[in-house]
Amino acid sequence: MELPVFYAKGLSPEAASYTMDEPTSKHCVQVLRRENGQQVLLANGIGQKFTAVITDDNRKRCTVQIQQQETVPAPTPQLHIAIAFTKNASRMEWFLEKATEIGIQSIIPLITHRTEKEKFKTERLENILVSAMLQSQQYYLPQLAAPTAFEQLVQQHQAVQRFIAHCLPDQKTPLQEVMLPGKDTLLLIGPEGDFTPEEVVAALAKGFQPVSLGNTRLRTETAGMVGAVLMKMS
């Protein structure tokens, strides 16, 4: 039987014990019915995997003793998606969940000319990433960047491969045909209404390659999902 995995934010590789926060303790003790003497796994989100045994099965502050620690190799290449968040928050939450499960290493909320101005609920979004990381049994939590202006991102990002997926009637190559395996990659996904022509020109001037994600017009979150799958498969 596989051991359950719990998120242990900030847990150091040198730690001898760890006390879970109240929501995690409740899930461990009340929902999964783990008891003193039983083993669990902990993930700190930066590559360390801990095997531990429960020493205090308190449902508000469950404490475990660390028995073993190992470092899980970091995934390569590094895959980044910059995506313009839509007004429908649930759609973007769905994208974050699925992108994490697929194995995208960082997600950058992109502020474009046509991006909807919505409040960025950092804590809620990070909780979604944590849940998806644990569900998919990974040990690296994707980085959720602060919302970043389009102009700043195209000027500064240093990924080896940089692509922009847009709907303008320009010449584009399918992503799966142009993406080289084993290289750090950034993909830009536009908002509802797409990037402006000026934004596309600016990205191309900075070395981004225009790509297609298929023959149909996709919603923003669907385009992000398709892009994530194609990047991971390349």
Protein backbone atom coordinates (compact mmCIF):
# COMPACT_ATOMS: atom_id res chain seq x y z
CA MET A 1 0.00 0.00 0.00
CA GLU A 2 1.38 3.40 -0.98
CA LEU A 3 2.07 5.81 1.84
CA PRO A 4 0.14 9.10 1.82
CA VAL A 5 2.15 12.21 0.96
CA PHE A 6 1.72 15.49 2.85
CA TYR A 7 3.12 18.94 2.12
CA ALA A 8 5.66 20.19 4.64
CA LYS A 9 6.47 23.76 3.68
CA GLY A 10 9.88 24.86 4.85
CA LEU A 11 10.94 21.44 6.15
CA SER A 12 14.73 21.32 6.22
CA PRO A 13 16.66 18.22 5.12
CA GLU A 14 18.41 18.31 8.51
CA ALA A 15 15.18 18.28 10.56
CA ALA A 16 14.60 15.44 13.01
CA SER A 17 10.87 16.02 13.45
CA TYR A 18 8.03 18.03 12.00
CA THR A 19 4.63 19.26 13.19
CA MET A 20 1.95 19.55 10.53
CA ASP A 21 -0.33 22.58 10.39
CA GLU A 22 -3.95 22.15 11.46
CA PRO A 23 -5.55 21.48 8.04
CA THR A 24 -2.87 18.91 7.17
CA SER A 25 -3.11 17.30 10.62
CA LYS A 26 -6.88 17.02 10.29
CA HIS A 27 -6.59 15.41 6.87
CA CYS A 28 -3.93 12.99 8.10
CA VAL A 29 -5.59 11.96 11.36
CA GLN A 30 -9.33 12.41 10.80
CA VAL A 31 -9.74 11.79 7.09
CA LEU A 32 -7.03 9.21 6.41
CA ARG A 33 -7.14 7.82 9.97
CA ARG A 34 -3.38 7.66 10.41
CA GLU A 35 -2.28 6.81 13.93
CA ASN A 36 0.80 6.78 16.13
CA GLY A 37 3.43 4.42 14.77
CA GLN A 38 2.25 4.60 11.18
CA GLN A 39 4.45 5.92 8.40
CA VAL A 40 3.77 8.86 6.09
CA LEU A 41 5.70 10.68 3.39
CA LEU A 42 6.43 14.41 3.44
CA ALA A 43 7.33 16.69 0.53
CA ASN A 44 8.79 20.16 1.07
CA GLY A 45 8.20 21.20 -2.55
CA ILE A 46 11.86 21.73 -3.40
CA GLY A 47 12.85 18.15 -4.08
CA GLN A 48 13.23 16.53 -0.66
CA LYS A 49 11.22 13.39 0.13
CA PHE A 50 10.93 12.44 3.79
CA THR A 51 9.81 9.14 5.28
CA ALA A 52 8.44 9.74 8.76
CA VAL A 53 6.52 7.99 11.53
CA ILE A 54 3.70 9.59 13.49
CA THR A 55 4.59 10.18 17.15
CA ASP A 56 1.62 12.36 18.14
CA ASP A 57 -1.60 11.83 16.21
CA ASN A 58 -3.18 15.06 17.41
CA ARG A 59 -5.72 16.20 14.83
CA LYS A 60 -4.66 19.85 15.22
CA ARG A 61 -0.87 19.44 15.38
CA CYS A 62 0.18 16.00 14.24
CA THR A 63 3.89 15.45 14.90
CA VAL A 64 6.14 13.03 13.06
CA GLN A 65 9.69 11.76 13.52
CA ILE A 66 11.84 11.85 10.40
CA GLN A 67 13.29 8.43 9.59
CA GLN A 68 14.79 8.96 6.16
CA GLN A 69 15.37 11.78 3.70
CA GLU A 70 16.25 11.64 0.03
CA THR A 71 16.58 14.22 -2.72
CA VAL A 72 14.52 13.58 -5.82
CA PRO A 73 16.32 14.62 -9.05
CA ALA A 74 14.97 17.89 -10.43
CA PRO A 75 12.95 17.52 -13.62
CA THR A 76 14.68 18.55 -16.83
CA PRO A 77 14.30 20.49 -18.99
CA GLN A 78 12.67 23.41 -17.21
CA LEU A 79 9.28 24.14 -18.80
CA HIS A 80 7.62 27.53 -18.27
CA ILE A 81 4.22 28.79 -19.37
CA ALA A 82 3.30 32.47 -19.26
CA ILE A 83 -0.47 32.78 -19.59
CA ALA A 84 -2.88 35.70 -19.45
CA PHE A 85 -5.41 34.94 -16.73
CA THR A 86 -9.06 35.18 -17.74
CA LYS A 87 -11.97 36.75 -15.90
CA ASN A 88 -13.38 33.29 -15.13
CA ALA A 89 -11.20 32.33 -12.17
CA SER A 90 -12.32 28.70 -12.10
CA ARG A 91 -10.94 28.09 -15.59
CA MET A 92 -7.51 29.33 -14.61
CA GLU A 93 -7.58 27.31 -11.41
CA TRP A 94 -8.31 24.25 -13.53
CA PHE A 95 -5.35 25.09 -15.76
CA LEU A 96 -3.01 25.46 -12.79
CA GLU A 97 -4.07 22.09 -11.43
CA LYS A 98 -3.58 20.27 -14.73
CA ALA A 99 -0.32 22.02 -15.62
CA THR A 100 1.09 20.93 -12.25
CA GLU A 101 -0.01 17.34 -12.77
CA ILE A 102 1.60 17.32 -16.24
CA GLY A 103 4.90 18.61 -14.83
CA ILE A 104 5.27 22.28 -15.79
CA GLN A 105 7.91 23.88 -13.55
CA SER A 106 6.73 27.47 -13.51
CA ILE A 107 3.59 29.41 -14.38
CA ILE A 108 3.71 33.15 -14.99
CA PRO A 109 0.46 35.17 -14.93
CA LEU A 110 0.89 37.43 -17.92
CA ILE A 111 -0.39 41.00 -18.03
CA THR A 112 -1.15 41.92 -21.63
CA HIS A 113 -3.07 44.75 -23.26
CA ARG A 114 -6.25 42.65 -23.20
CA THR A 115 -5.78 40.89 -19.86
CA GLU A 116 -8.80 41.06 -17.58
CA LYS A 117 -8.09 43.05 -14.44
CA GLU A 118 -8.92 40.62 -11.66
CA LYS A 119 -7.66 40.26 -8.11
CA PHE A 120 -4.84 37.73 -7.94
CA LYS A 121 -5.65 35.32 -5.08
CA THR A 122 -2.14 34.06 -4.41
CA GLU A 123 -2.87 31.87 -1.38
CA ARG A 124 -5.77 30.06 -3.05
CA LEU A 125 -3.78 29.47 -6.23
CA GLU A 126 -0.77 28.17 -4.33
CA ASN A 127 -3.02 25.76 -2.42
CA ILE A 128 -4.24 24.41 -5.76
CA LEU A 129 -0.64 23.84 -6.85
CA VAL A 130 0.17 22.02 -3.61
CA SER A 131 -2.86 19.77 -3.90
CA ALA A 132 -2.03 18.90 -7.51
CA MET A 133 1.62 18.23 -6.65
CA LEU A 134 0.64 15.78 -3.92
CA GLN A 135 -2.07 14.12 -5.99
CA SER A 136 0.37 13.49 -8.83
CA GLN A 137 3.07 12.30 -6.38
CA GLN A 138 5.66 14.87 -7.30
CA TYR A 139 8.20 16.52 -5.01
CA TYR A 140 8.77 19.83 -6.77
CA LEU A 141 6.13 22.52 -6.38
CA PRO A 142 5.78 24.66 -9.51
CA GLN A 143 6.78 28.27 -9.08
CA LEU A 144 3.84 30.64 -9.38
CA ALA A 145 5.35 33.98 -10.36
CA ALA A 146 3.91 37.36 -9.55
CA PRO A 147 1.80 38.81 -12.37
CA THR A 148 4.29 40.06 -14.95
CA ALA A 149 3.89 42.64 -17.70
CA PHE A 150 4.24 41.27 -21.21
CA GLU A 151 6.92 43.80 -22.12
CA GLN A 152 9.01 42.91 -19.08
CA LEU A 153 8.80 39.18 -19.70
CA VAL A 154 9.83 39.25 -23.35
CA GLN A 155 12.73 41.52 -22.47
CA GLN A 156 14.09 39.51 -19.53
CA HIS A 157 13.27 35.79 -19.70
CA GLN A 158 16.32 33.67 -20.47
CA ALA A 159 14.84 30.33 -21.59
CA VAL A 160 16.78 28.72 -24.43
CA GLN A 161 13.61 28.17 -26.47
CA ARG A 162 10.94 30.87 -26.49
CA PHE A 163 7.62 30.57 -28.28
CA ILE A 164 4.49 32.66 -28.66
CA ALA A 165 1.18 31.03 -29.59
CA HIS A 166 -1.17 33.50 -31.25
CA CYS A 167 -4.17 33.55 -33.59
CA LEU A 168 -3.07 36.18 -36.09
CA PRO A 169 -2.96 35.02 -39.75
CA ASP A 170 0.81 34.96 -39.84
CA GLN A 171 3.07 32.05 -40.67
CA LYS A 172 3.30 29.72 -37.66
CA THR A 173 4.83 26.28 -37.13
CA PRO A 174 3.17 23.60 -34.98
CA LEU A 175 4.83 23.62 -31.57
CA GLN A 176 5.57 19.91 -31.67
CA GLU A 177 7.54 20.36 -34.90
CA VAL A 178 9.76 23.23 -33.82
CA MET A 179 10.43 22.47 -30.14
CA LEU A 180 13.76 20.75 -29.53
CA PRO A 181 13.90 18.19 -26.70
CA GLY A 182 16.01 18.70 -23.61
CA LYS A 183 16.09 22.50 -23.68
CA ASP A 184 14.53 24.94 -21.20
CA THR A 185 11.43 26.37 -22.82
CA LEU A 186 9.01 29.27 -22.36
CA LEU A 187 5.61 29.40 -24.07
CA LEU A 188 3.41 32.51 -24.13
CA ILE A 189 -0.37 32.04 -24.15
CA GLY A 190 -2.53 35.09 -24.79
CA PRO A 191 -5.79 36.35 -23.26
CA GLU A 192 -9.33 36.10 -24.53
CA GLY A 193 -9.12 38.18 -27.70
CA ASP A 194 -5.48 37.13 -28.27
CA PHE A 195 -2.30 39.17 -28.20
CA THR A 196 -2.35 42.47 -30.04
CA PRO A 197 -0.38 42.67 -33.31
CA GLU A 198 2.04 45.03 -31.56
CA GLU A 199 2.70 42.45 -28.81
CA VAL A 200 3.37 39.73 -31.35
CA VAL A 201 5.82 41.98 -33.21
CA ALA A 202 7.58 42.85 -29.95
CA ALA A 203 7.97 39.17 -29.01
CA LEU A 204 9.31 38.22 -32.43
CA ALA A 205 11.82 41.07 -32.22
CA LYS A 206 13.16 39.48 -29.01
CA GLY A 207 13.66 36.08 -30.57
CA PHE A 208 10.35 34.37 -29.81
CA GLN A 209 9.18 31.92 -32.46
CA PRO A 210 5.51 31.98 -33.53
CA VAL A 211 3.80 28.60 -33.05
CA SER A 212 0.46 26.96 -33.59
CA LEU A 213 -1.30 24.69 -31.10
CA GLY A 214 -3.66 23.14 -33.63
CA ASN A 215 -6.18 23.94 -36.33
CA THR A 216 -8.99 25.15 -34.06
CA ARG A 217 -9.29 28.31 -32.00
CA LEU A 218 -8.84 27.43 -28.33
CA ARG A 219 -9.91 29.11 -25.10
CA THR A 220 -7.02 30.49 -23.11
CA GLU A 221 -6.98 27.71 -20.52
CA THR A 222 -7.36 25.04 -23.23
CA ALA A 223 -4.45 26.52 -25.16
CA GLY A 224 -2.39 26.43 -21.98
CA MET A 225 -3.29 22.78 -21.44
CA VAL A 226 -2.47 21.79 -25.02
CA GLY A 227 0.80 23.70 -24.81
CA ALA A 228 1.73 21.97 -21.55
CA VAL A 229 1.12 18.52 -23.01
CA LEU A 230 3.05 19.24 -26.20
CA MET A 231 5.98 20.70 -24.25
CA LYS A 232 6.13 17.71 -21.92
CA MET A 233 5.98 15.21 -24.78
CA SER A 234 8.75 16.87 -26.82
